[in-house]
Protein backbone atom coordinates (compact mmCIF):
# COMPACT_ATOMS: atom_id res chain seq x y z
CA MET A 1 -75.15 87.43 203.72
CA ILE A 2 -78.06 85.45 205.24
CA ARG A 3 -77.34 83.80 208.60
CA ARG A 4 -79.85 81.64 210.44
CA GLN A 5 -79.90 79.25 213.43
CA GLY A 6 -82.37 76.43 214.02
CA ILE A 7 -82.89 74.18 217.07
CA ASP A 8 -85.07 71.11 217.47
CA VAL A 9 -85.65 68.43 220.14
CA LEU A 10 -87.33 65.03 220.15
CA ALA A 11 -87.83 62.30 222.71
CA VAL A 12 -86.11 59.13 221.53
CA GLU A 13 -89.16 57.15 222.73
CA ARG A 14 -91.35 59.00 220.20
CA MET A 15 -89.05 57.97 217.36
CA ASP A 16 -89.15 54.38 218.64
CA ARG A 17 -92.97 54.41 218.58
CA ALA A 18 -93.08 55.91 215.06
CA VAL A 19 -90.81 53.16 213.75
CA ARG A 20 -92.88 50.42 215.43
CA ARG A 21 -96.14 51.88 214.14
CA SER A 22 -95.18 52.79 210.55
CA GLY A 23 -92.12 50.65 209.90
CA GLN A 24 -90.12 50.78 206.68
CA GLY A 25 -92.51 53.14 204.91
CA PHE A 26 -91.88 55.84 207.49
CA LEU A 27 -88.12 55.25 207.47
CA SER A 28 -87.80 55.46 203.68
CA ARG A 29 -89.81 58.70 203.57
CA ALA A 30 -87.83 60.37 206.34
CA PHE A 31 -84.26 59.18 205.84
CA THR A 32 -81.79 58.57 203.03
CA PRO A 33 -80.21 55.13 202.45
CA ALA A 34 -76.89 56.42 203.84
CA GLU A 35 -78.60 57.61 207.01
CA LEU A 36 -80.46 54.33 207.48
CA ASP A 37 -77.24 52.41 206.99
CA TYR A 38 -75.48 54.50 209.63
CA CYS A 39 -78.36 54.32 212.13
CA GLY A 40 -78.75 50.56 211.80
CA GLY A 41 -82.28 50.73 213.27
CA ARG A 42 -81.15 52.38 216.52
CA SER A 43 -83.84 54.80 217.69
CA GLU A 44 -81.44 57.27 219.34
CA ARG A 45 -79.49 57.70 216.09
CA LEU A 46 -82.67 58.03 214.06
CA ALA A 47 -83.94 60.65 216.51
CA GLY A 48 -80.65 62.53 216.15
CA ARG A 49 -80.98 62.60 212.34
CA TRP A 50 -84.61 63.70 212.63
CA VAL A 51 -83.94 66.70 214.88
CA ALA A 52 -80.91 67.70 212.83
CA LYS A 53 -83.04 67.79 209.68
CA GLU A 54 -85.77 69.74 211.44
CA ALA A 55 -83.21 72.26 212.69
CA VAL A 56 -81.88 72.68 209.12
CA ILE A 57 -85.43 73.16 207.76
CA LYS A 58 -85.97 75.91 210.33
CA CYS A 59 -82.76 77.61 209.16
CA PHE A 60 -84.13 77.83 205.62
CA ASP A 61 -87.31 79.58 206.78
CA ARG A 62 -87.62 83.01 205.10
CA THR A 63 -84.86 82.25 202.58
CA PRO A 64 -85.36 81.91 198.80
CA ILE A 65 -84.95 78.12 198.84
CA CYS A 66 -86.50 75.16 200.63
CA PHE A 67 -85.10 71.68 201.22
CA PRO A 68 -87.61 69.07 202.42
CA ARG A 69 -86.55 66.47 204.94
CA ARG A 70 -85.87 63.75 202.36
CA ARG A 71 -83.30 65.95 200.57
CA ILE A 72 -81.34 66.81 203.71
CA GLU A 73 -78.79 64.12 204.56
CA VAL A 74 -76.98 64.06 207.90
CA VAL A 75 -74.17 61.53 208.11
CA PRO A 76 -70.94 61.43 210.14
CA ALA A 77 -67.66 62.73 208.77
CA ASP A 78 -64.41 60.82 209.20
CA THR A 79 -64.04 62.56 212.56
CA GLY A 80 -67.45 61.31 213.67
CA ALA A 81 -69.00 64.79 213.69
CA PRO A 82 -72.32 65.09 211.82
CA THR A 83 -72.20 66.76 208.42
CA VAL A 84 -75.03 68.02 206.22
CA ARG A 85 -75.43 67.32 202.52
CA LEU A 86 -78.18 69.12 200.57
CA VAL A 87 -79.41 66.75 197.87
CA GLY A 88 -81.07 67.73 194.61
CA ASP A 89 -81.81 71.45 194.12
CA ASP A 90 -79.13 74.13 193.78
CA PRO A 91 -78.18 75.15 197.34
CA MET A 92 -77.33 78.68 196.08
CA GLY A 93 -74.10 78.77 198.05
CA ALA A 94 -75.74 77.68 201.32
CA ARG A 95 -73.43 76.15 203.92
CA VAL A 96 -74.93 74.32 206.91
CA GLN A 97 -73.37 72.92 210.08
CA VAL A 98 -75.14 70.86 212.73
CA SER A 99 -74.44 69.49 216.19
CA ILE A 100 -76.38 66.64 217.81
CA THR A 101 -76.50 65.70 221.49
CA HIS A 102 -78.53 63.24 223.58
CA GLN A 103 -79.52 63.78 227.19
CA ALA A 104 -82.04 61.94 229.40
CA GLY A 105 -83.68 60.26 226.43
CA ILE A 106 -83.95 63.49 224.45
CA ALA A 107 -82.22 64.17 221.09
CA ILE A 108 -81.21 67.82 220.63
CA ALA A 109 -79.83 69.42 217.45
CA SER A 110 -78.64 72.88 216.55
CA ALA A 111 -78.06 74.00 212.95
CA TRP A 112 -76.29 77.06 211.55
CA LEU A 113 -76.89 78.34 208.01
CA GLU A 114 -74.87 80.85 206.05
CA MET A 115 -75.76 81.71 202.44
CA PRO A 116 -75.47 84.70 200.10
CA GLU A 117 -78.37 87.09 199.70
CA PRO A 118 -80.20 86.43 196.40
CA SER A 119 -78.56 89.50 194.85
CA GLU A 120 -75.17 88.11 195.85
CA VAL A 121 -75.61 84.82 193.99
CA PRO A 122 -73.61 85.29 190.78
CA LEU A 123 -75.20 84.96 187.36
CA PRO A 124 -74.03 81.86 185.46
CA ALA A 125 -70.50 82.59 184.29
CA PRO A 126 -69.47 82.23 180.63
CA GLU A 127 -67.02 79.54 179.71
CA GLY A 128 -63.52 80.87 180.28
CA VAL A 129 -64.18 82.67 183.57
CA ARG A 130 -61.50 81.56 186.00
CA LEU A 131 -60.12 83.35 189.02
CA PRO A 132 -56.36 83.04 189.60
CA ASP A 133 -55.17 80.66 192.28
CA ARG A 134 -54.41 82.19 195.68
CA PRO A 135 -51.98 79.80 197.38
CA ALA A 136 -51.99 80.10 201.16
CA ALA A 137 -48.19 80.45 201.22
CA GLY A 138 -48.23 83.24 198.61
CA HIS A 139 -46.78 86.71 199.19
CA LYS A 140 -47.00 89.99 197.31
CA GLY A 141 -44.33 88.85 194.88
CA THR A 142 -46.38 85.73 194.12
CA PHE A 143 -49.27 87.84 192.88
CA GLY A 144 -47.31 90.12 190.59
CA THR A 145 -46.73 93.79 189.94
CA VAL A 146 -48.95 96.04 187.82
CA VAL A 147 -47.60 99.29 186.40
CA ALA A 148 -50.28 101.82 185.43
CA LEU A 149 -49.59 104.77 183.14
CA ALA A 150 -52.60 107.00 183.69
CA GLY A 151 -53.92 110.40 184.63
CA SER A 152 -53.33 114.01 183.65
CA ARG A 153 -54.37 117.41 184.90
CA GLY A 154 -58.14 117.29 185.40
CA PHE A 155 -58.23 113.49 185.14
CA THR A 156 -56.55 112.31 188.33
CA GLY A 157 -59.60 110.26 189.28
CA ALA A 158 -59.09 107.91 186.34
CA ALA A 159 -55.56 107.16 187.51
CA TYR A 160 -56.74 106.47 191.05
CA LEU A 161 -59.57 104.17 189.93
CA THR A 162 -57.41 102.17 187.54
CA ALA A 163 -54.53 101.60 189.92
CA THR A 164 -56.73 100.81 192.92
CA ALA A 165 -58.82 98.39 190.87
CA ALA A 166 -55.66 96.44 189.98
CA ALA A 167 -54.96 96.10 193.71
CA ARG A 168 -58.58 95.15 194.48
CA ALA A 169 -58.38 92.44 191.81
CA GLY A 170 -55.53 90.86 193.76
CA ALA A 171 -52.27 92.16 192.31
CA GLY A 172 -49.46 92.01 194.86
CA LEU A 173 -48.04 95.44 194.04
CA VAL A 174 -49.28 98.35 191.94
CA ARG A 175 -47.14 101.25 190.75
CA LEU A 176 -48.85 104.30 189.25
CA LEU A 177 -46.75 106.46 186.91
CA VAL A 178 -48.01 110.03 186.72
CA ALA A 179 -46.78 113.39 185.48
CA ASP A 180 -44.74 115.47 187.92
CA GLY A 181 -47.44 118.12 188.03
CA ILE A 182 -50.13 115.83 189.40
CA TYR A 183 -47.93 113.60 191.54
CA SER A 184 -48.80 115.32 194.83
CA ILE A 185 -52.52 114.75 194.21
CA LEU A 186 -52.14 111.03 193.53
CA ALA A 187 -49.58 110.52 196.29
CA ALA A 188 -52.13 111.81 198.79
CA LYS A 189 -55.06 109.93 197.25
CA CYS A 190 -53.42 106.52 196.69
CA THR A 191 -52.53 104.92 200.01
CA GLU A 192 -51.87 101.34 198.89
CA VAL A 193 -50.62 102.19 195.39
CA MET A 194 -47.06 103.41 194.80
CA ALA A 195 -47.54 106.75 193.02
CA THR A 196 -44.36 107.57 191.11
CA PRO A 197 -43.63 110.86 189.30
CA VAL A 198 -42.19 110.90 185.78
CA THR A 199 -41.07 113.81 183.61
CA GLU A 200 -43.89 115.80 182.01
CA ASP A 201 -43.89 117.48 178.60
CA ALA A 202 -46.76 119.85 179.35
CA PRO A 203 -48.33 120.90 182.66
CA GLY A 204 -49.80 117.73 184.15
CA ALA A 205 -49.25 115.67 180.99
CA ILE A 206 -46.54 113.18 180.09
CA GLY A 207 -44.77 112.77 176.77
CA PRO A 208 -41.67 111.27 175.14
CA ALA A 209 -39.41 112.71 177.84
CA ALA A 210 -40.78 110.00 180.17
CA LEU A 211 -40.32 107.11 177.72
CA ASP A 212 -37.16 105.58 179.18
CA ALA A 213 -38.50 105.69 182.74
CA VAL A 214 -41.83 104.17 181.70
CA ILE A 215 -40.15 101.33 179.79
CA GLU A 216 -37.84 100.66 182.74
CA HIS A 217 -40.77 100.32 185.16
CA LEU A 218 -42.76 98.15 182.76
CA GLY A 219 -39.70 95.93 182.37
CA VAL A 220 -40.18 94.56 185.91
CA ALA A 221 -43.98 94.34 185.75
CA ARG A 222 -46.10 91.29 185.00
CA ALA A 223 -48.74 93.54 183.47
CA GLY A 224 -49.26 97.15 182.53
CA VAL A 225 -52.31 99.31 181.94
CA VAL A 226 -52.01 102.37 179.73
CA GLY A 227 -54.45 105.13 178.89
CA PRO A 228 -57.07 106.04 181.51
CA GLY A 229 -57.18 109.81 181.91
CA LEU A 230 -53.90 110.43 180.06
CA GLY A 231 -55.40 113.28 178.06
CA ARG A 232 -55.10 114.24 174.41
CA GLU A 233 -51.83 116.12 174.23
CA PRO A 234 -50.05 115.17 170.97
CA ALA A 235 -46.88 114.49 172.98
CA THR A 236 -48.79 112.08 175.22
CA TRP A 237 -50.10 110.16 172.23
CA ARG A 238 -46.58 109.88 170.78
CA LEU A 239 -45.40 108.44 174.09
CA VAL A 240 -48.27 105.96 174.20
CA GLN A 241 -47.56 104.72 170.69
CA GLU A 242 -43.91 104.11 171.56
CA VAL A 243 -44.76 102.37 174.84
CA ILE A 244 -47.15 100.01 173.04
CA ALA A 245 -44.46 99.18 170.49
CA ARG A 246 -41.59 98.71 172.94
CA ALA A 247 -43.01 97.24 176.16
CA THR A 248 -42.60 93.47 176.42
CA CYS A 249 -45.04 92.76 179.26
CA PRO A 250 -48.78 92.32 178.66
CA LEU A 251 -50.57 95.66 178.34
CA VAL A 252 -54.20 96.64 178.85
CA LEU A 253 -54.95 99.58 176.55
CA ASP A 254 -57.88 101.79 177.46
CA ALA A 255 -59.29 105.26 176.91
CA ASP A 256 -56.62 107.67 175.62
CA ALA A 257 -54.33 104.81 174.62
CA LEU A 258 -57.10 103.77 172.23
CA ASN A 259 -57.49 107.35 171.03
CA ALA A 260 -53.75 107.44 170.32
CA LEU A 261 -54.04 104.22 168.29
CA ALA A 262 -57.07 105.57 166.41
CA GLU A 263 -54.82 108.39 165.18
CA ALA A 264 -52.22 105.86 164.00
CA ARG A 265 -54.31 102.91 162.85
CA HIS A 266 -51.39 101.36 161.00
CA ARG A 267 -50.01 100.44 164.44
CA LEU A 268 -53.02 98.22 165.19
CA ARG A 269 -51.98 95.32 162.97
CA GLY A 270 -49.79 92.82 164.74
CA LEU A 271 -50.23 94.29 168.21
CA GLY A 272 -49.78 90.82 169.70
CA ALA A 273 -51.79 88.43 171.82
CA ASN A 274 -50.47 90.00 175.05
CA ARG A 275 -52.28 93.26 174.29
CA VAL A 276 -55.84 93.77 175.55
CA LEU A 277 -57.87 96.62 174.05
CA THR A 278 -60.98 97.75 175.96
CA PRO A 279 -62.99 100.10 173.70
CA HIS A 280 -66.53 101.27 174.24
CA PRO A 281 -68.63 101.38 171.05
CA GLY A 282 -67.58 104.93 170.14
CA GLU A 283 -63.89 104.09 170.53
CA MET A 284 -64.37 100.91 168.51
CA ALA A 285 -65.96 102.96 165.76
CA ARG A 286 -62.90 105.22 165.63
CA LEU A 287 -60.51 102.26 165.71
CA THR A 288 -62.28 100.37 162.90
CA GLY A 289 -63.54 103.26 160.80
CA ARG A 290 -67.12 101.94 161.07
CA PRO A 291 -70.21 103.85 162.22
CA THR A 292 -71.12 103.28 165.86
CA THR A 293 -74.54 101.98 164.79
CA GLU A 294 -72.86 99.25 162.75
CA VAL A 295 -70.58 98.35 165.65
CA GLN A 296 -73.57 97.99 167.95
CA ALA A 297 -75.63 96.01 165.42
CA THR A 298 -72.96 93.31 165.00
CA ARG A 299 -71.01 93.41 168.24
CA PRO A 300 -69.64 89.82 168.36
CA GLN A 301 -68.66 89.91 164.68
CA VAL A 302 -66.97 93.32 164.94
CA ALA A 303 -65.01 92.31 168.05
CA ALA A 304 -63.95 88.98 166.53
CA ALA A 305 -62.80 90.61 163.29
CA ALA A 306 -60.82 93.25 165.16
CA ALA A 307 -59.14 90.66 167.39
CA ARG A 308 -58.16 88.63 164.34
CA ASP A 309 -56.91 91.66 162.36
CA TRP A 310 -54.96 93.17 165.24
CA GLY A 311 -53.72 89.91 166.73
CA ALA A 312 -54.87 91.12 170.15
CA VAL A 313 -57.61 90.50 172.72
CA VAL A 314 -60.54 92.88 172.26
CA VAL A 315 -63.09 93.79 174.94
CA LEU A 316 -66.06 95.57 173.34
CA LYS A 317 -67.74 97.14 176.35
CA GLY A 318 -71.43 97.73 176.94
CA ALA A 319 -74.44 95.65 177.90
CA ARG A 320 -73.45 92.01 177.33
CA THR A 321 -69.78 92.90 176.85
CA VAL A 322 -68.03 90.87 174.14
CA VAL A 323 -64.48 89.54 174.56
CA ALA A 324 -62.68 88.20 171.49
CA ALA A 325 -59.27 86.54 171.13
CA PRO A 326 -57.10 86.50 167.99
CA ASP A 327 -57.42 82.69 167.80
CA GLY A 328 -61.18 82.97 167.21
CA ARG A 329 -62.54 82.49 170.74
CA VAL A 330 -65.46 84.81 171.54
CA SER A 331 -67.25 85.23 174.88
CA GLU A 332 -70.38 87.24 175.56
CA ASP A 333 -71.00 88.27 179.16
CA PRO A 334 -74.59 87.77 180.43
CA HIS A 335 -74.86 91.05 182.34
CA GLU A 336 -76.93 94.08 181.41
CA VAL A 337 -76.35 96.57 184.23
CA ALA A 338 -77.62 100.09 183.63
CA ALA A 339 -75.95 101.31 186.84
CA LEU A 340 -72.53 100.80 185.22
CA ALA A 341 -73.28 103.57 182.71
CA SER A 342 -71.29 105.99 184.83
CA GLY A 343 -67.97 107.77 184.32
CA GLY A 344 -64.94 105.88 185.60
CA THR A 345 -66.34 102.35 185.55
CA GLY A 346 -64.28 101.56 182.46
CA ASP A 347 -61.14 102.69 184.26
CA VAL A 348 -61.95 100.19 187.01
CA LEU A 349 -62.34 97.38 184.46
CA ALA A 350 -58.99 98.14 182.82
CA GLY A 351 -57.20 97.98 186.17
CA MET A 352 -58.96 94.76 187.11
CA ILE A 353 -57.89 92.98 183.92
CA ALA A 354 -54.28 94.04 184.48
CA GLY A 355 -54.48 92.85 188.08
CA LEU A 356 -55.69 89.42 186.97
CA ILE A 357 -52.92 89.12 184.37
CA ALA A 358 -50.35 89.99 187.04
CA GLN A 359 -51.56 87.00 189.08
CA GLY A 360 -50.91 84.59 186.23
CA SER A 361 -54.03 84.64 184.06
CA ASP A 362 -53.47 84.76 180.31
CA PRO A 363 -54.82 87.96 178.68
CA TYR A 364 -58.00 86.39 177.26
CA THR A 365 -58.92 84.63 180.51
CA ALA A 366 -58.16 87.79 182.47
CA ALA A 367 -60.39 89.81 180.15
CA VAL A 368 -63.33 87.37 180.29
CA THR A 369 -63.00 87.03 184.07
CA GLY A 370 -62.47 90.75 184.69
CA VAL A 371 -65.55 91.64 182.64
CA TYR A 372 -67.65 89.13 184.57
CA VAL A 373 -66.45 90.18 188.05
CA HIS A 374 -66.80 93.87 187.17
CA ALA A 375 -70.37 93.40 185.94
CA GLU A 376 -71.28 91.22 188.95
CA ALA A 377 -70.04 93.97 191.26
CA GLY A 378 -72.22 96.44 189.39
CA ARG A 379 -75.23 94.11 189.49
CA ARG A 380 -74.93 93.64 193.26
CA LEU A 381 -74.69 97.39 193.82
CA GLN A 382 -77.64 97.98 191.50
CA ALA A 383 -79.73 95.49 193.50
CA ARG A 384 -79.02 97.47 196.66
CA GLN A 385 -79.21 101.07 195.47
CA GLY A 386 -80.96 101.16 192.10
CA SER A 387 -79.98 101.61 188.48
CA ALA A 388 -78.88 105.25 188.74
CA GLY A 389 -76.29 107.00 190.85
CA LEU A 390 -73.59 104.33 191.11
CA LEU A 391 -70.14 105.84 191.57
CA ALA A 392 -67.19 104.06 189.99
CA SER A 393 -65.32 104.14 193.29
CA GLU A 394 -68.15 102.11 194.87
CA LEU A 395 -67.13 99.18 192.68
CA LEU A 396 -63.72 98.96 194.32
CA PRO A 397 -64.69 97.38 197.69
CA GLU A 398 -67.28 95.20 195.93
CA ILE A 399 -64.69 93.48 193.70
CA PRO A 400 -63.11 91.23 196.37
CA MET A 401 -66.59 90.44 197.75
CA VAL A 402 -67.71 89.14 194.35
CA MET A 403 -64.57 87.05 194.01
CA LYS A 404 -65.08 85.62 197.50
CA THR A 405 -68.64 84.62 196.63
CA MET A 406 -67.47 83.01 193.40
CA ARG A 407 -64.85 81.00 195.27
CA ASP A 408 -67.35 80.01 197.98
CA VAL A 409 -69.88 78.80 195.41
CA ALA A 410 -67.20 76.89 193.51
CA ALA A 411 -66.07 75.21 196.75
C-alpha cells in the first residue's frame, strides 16, 4: 500500500493579487465550477482550495498516476469538512483526505493519500465476478458452514489447503472430515478448521464405512468440497460416487473426486447445477474421453459442452481459466500467472469456491469469482517474488487482501 502526506501554505494576499491581475482566466484554469461557486470570490476560500490542491499534487509525487490541479476538486461535505474528488482519469483506488486551516492571513493545507501498489490494483474483472455481501451485523452462522472431505495418508497437505482456503474466502465455519489414521496430523495443523475423524477402510483412507457420517455432516452444510488428496483407493472412489449422488448441498468436486467420476462416466450426466467440477486439462481429458491437446485447443467450447452435458458448472483450470454454466454462460478469466503452476494451488481454489457458496453465492458466481480472486492472489505474489517458487500456502493470507482491495476499489 502506498501512503503519502503533502503540505502546502499560501498567503491569502498573494491569491488576492493573482485574482486582481489575471481575473476570470486564472480562476477558470485553477478551479472547478463547484469550487468557484463555493468560494464566491472570497480570497481566503480560494487560497484554501489552492493549497489543498497543491498538497494533493505533492501526495501523488512518485506514484504511477498524476492529477493536475484542474482535475482535483475540493469542496465541503455536508459536515462542512473539505473533501477531495479526483476528476477524469482512473484514480486506481486512491483515497485522499485534506484539512485546511487559516492563521494570520496564511492558508495551510495537509493532505493524506492511500492507494494500492500498482501490483495490487486488480486486473479488470470478467462479468459475473461478485463478492458476497458482508453485513456488519453478521456472525459465523451468517456466513455459512463448509464441509470438506479431503486428504489421505501422504496427502494431508491437500486437506489443510482446501479447508483453510474455505475459511480465508470468508466461510463462517469449516469442518474437515478425514480418515481416523491421519486425524492427529490435521488436528495439529488446522487451528481454525474443525478437523473431524471418520471411519477409514484402509490405513489413512476413507471408504463406504464413512458414508453415513459424511452425509450427516453435509446435511447441515451450505457447501461441501470433495476430492483434494483423497487418494485412489477403490473404496474411496466408491464412497465419493455415493456422496456425489446423495448429498443435497452444493458440492465442489476436485482432484480425486474427478478421478472417481472418470472411472464411472455414466454418473456425469445430470449431476445438477449445484455441482462445480474443477478439472485441469488432463482431468478434463479423462472426463470427456478427448486428448488433452484437443481440450487445450478448444478450451471454451470443451468447457461449455461439458457443462451442458453434465448439467453442472465446469471450471477448466489453466492460464485464462474458463468457467461454464449448464445454461450456456461462459466466462474466461484474464489472468495468465505462471507462478500458480505449483502443487496445491488447485486445492486452494476448490476450497475458495466452496467458501463463497457458503456465504450465499450461487455456484456459477462463486466459481467465476473464486477463479478471479485466486488468480489475483497469484499475480500479486508473482509481482513480489517472481514467476517460480510460489508455495500454495502463500496464497492463503493473500486471499482476504485481494478481496479487501476489490471492495475498496468498488467503493
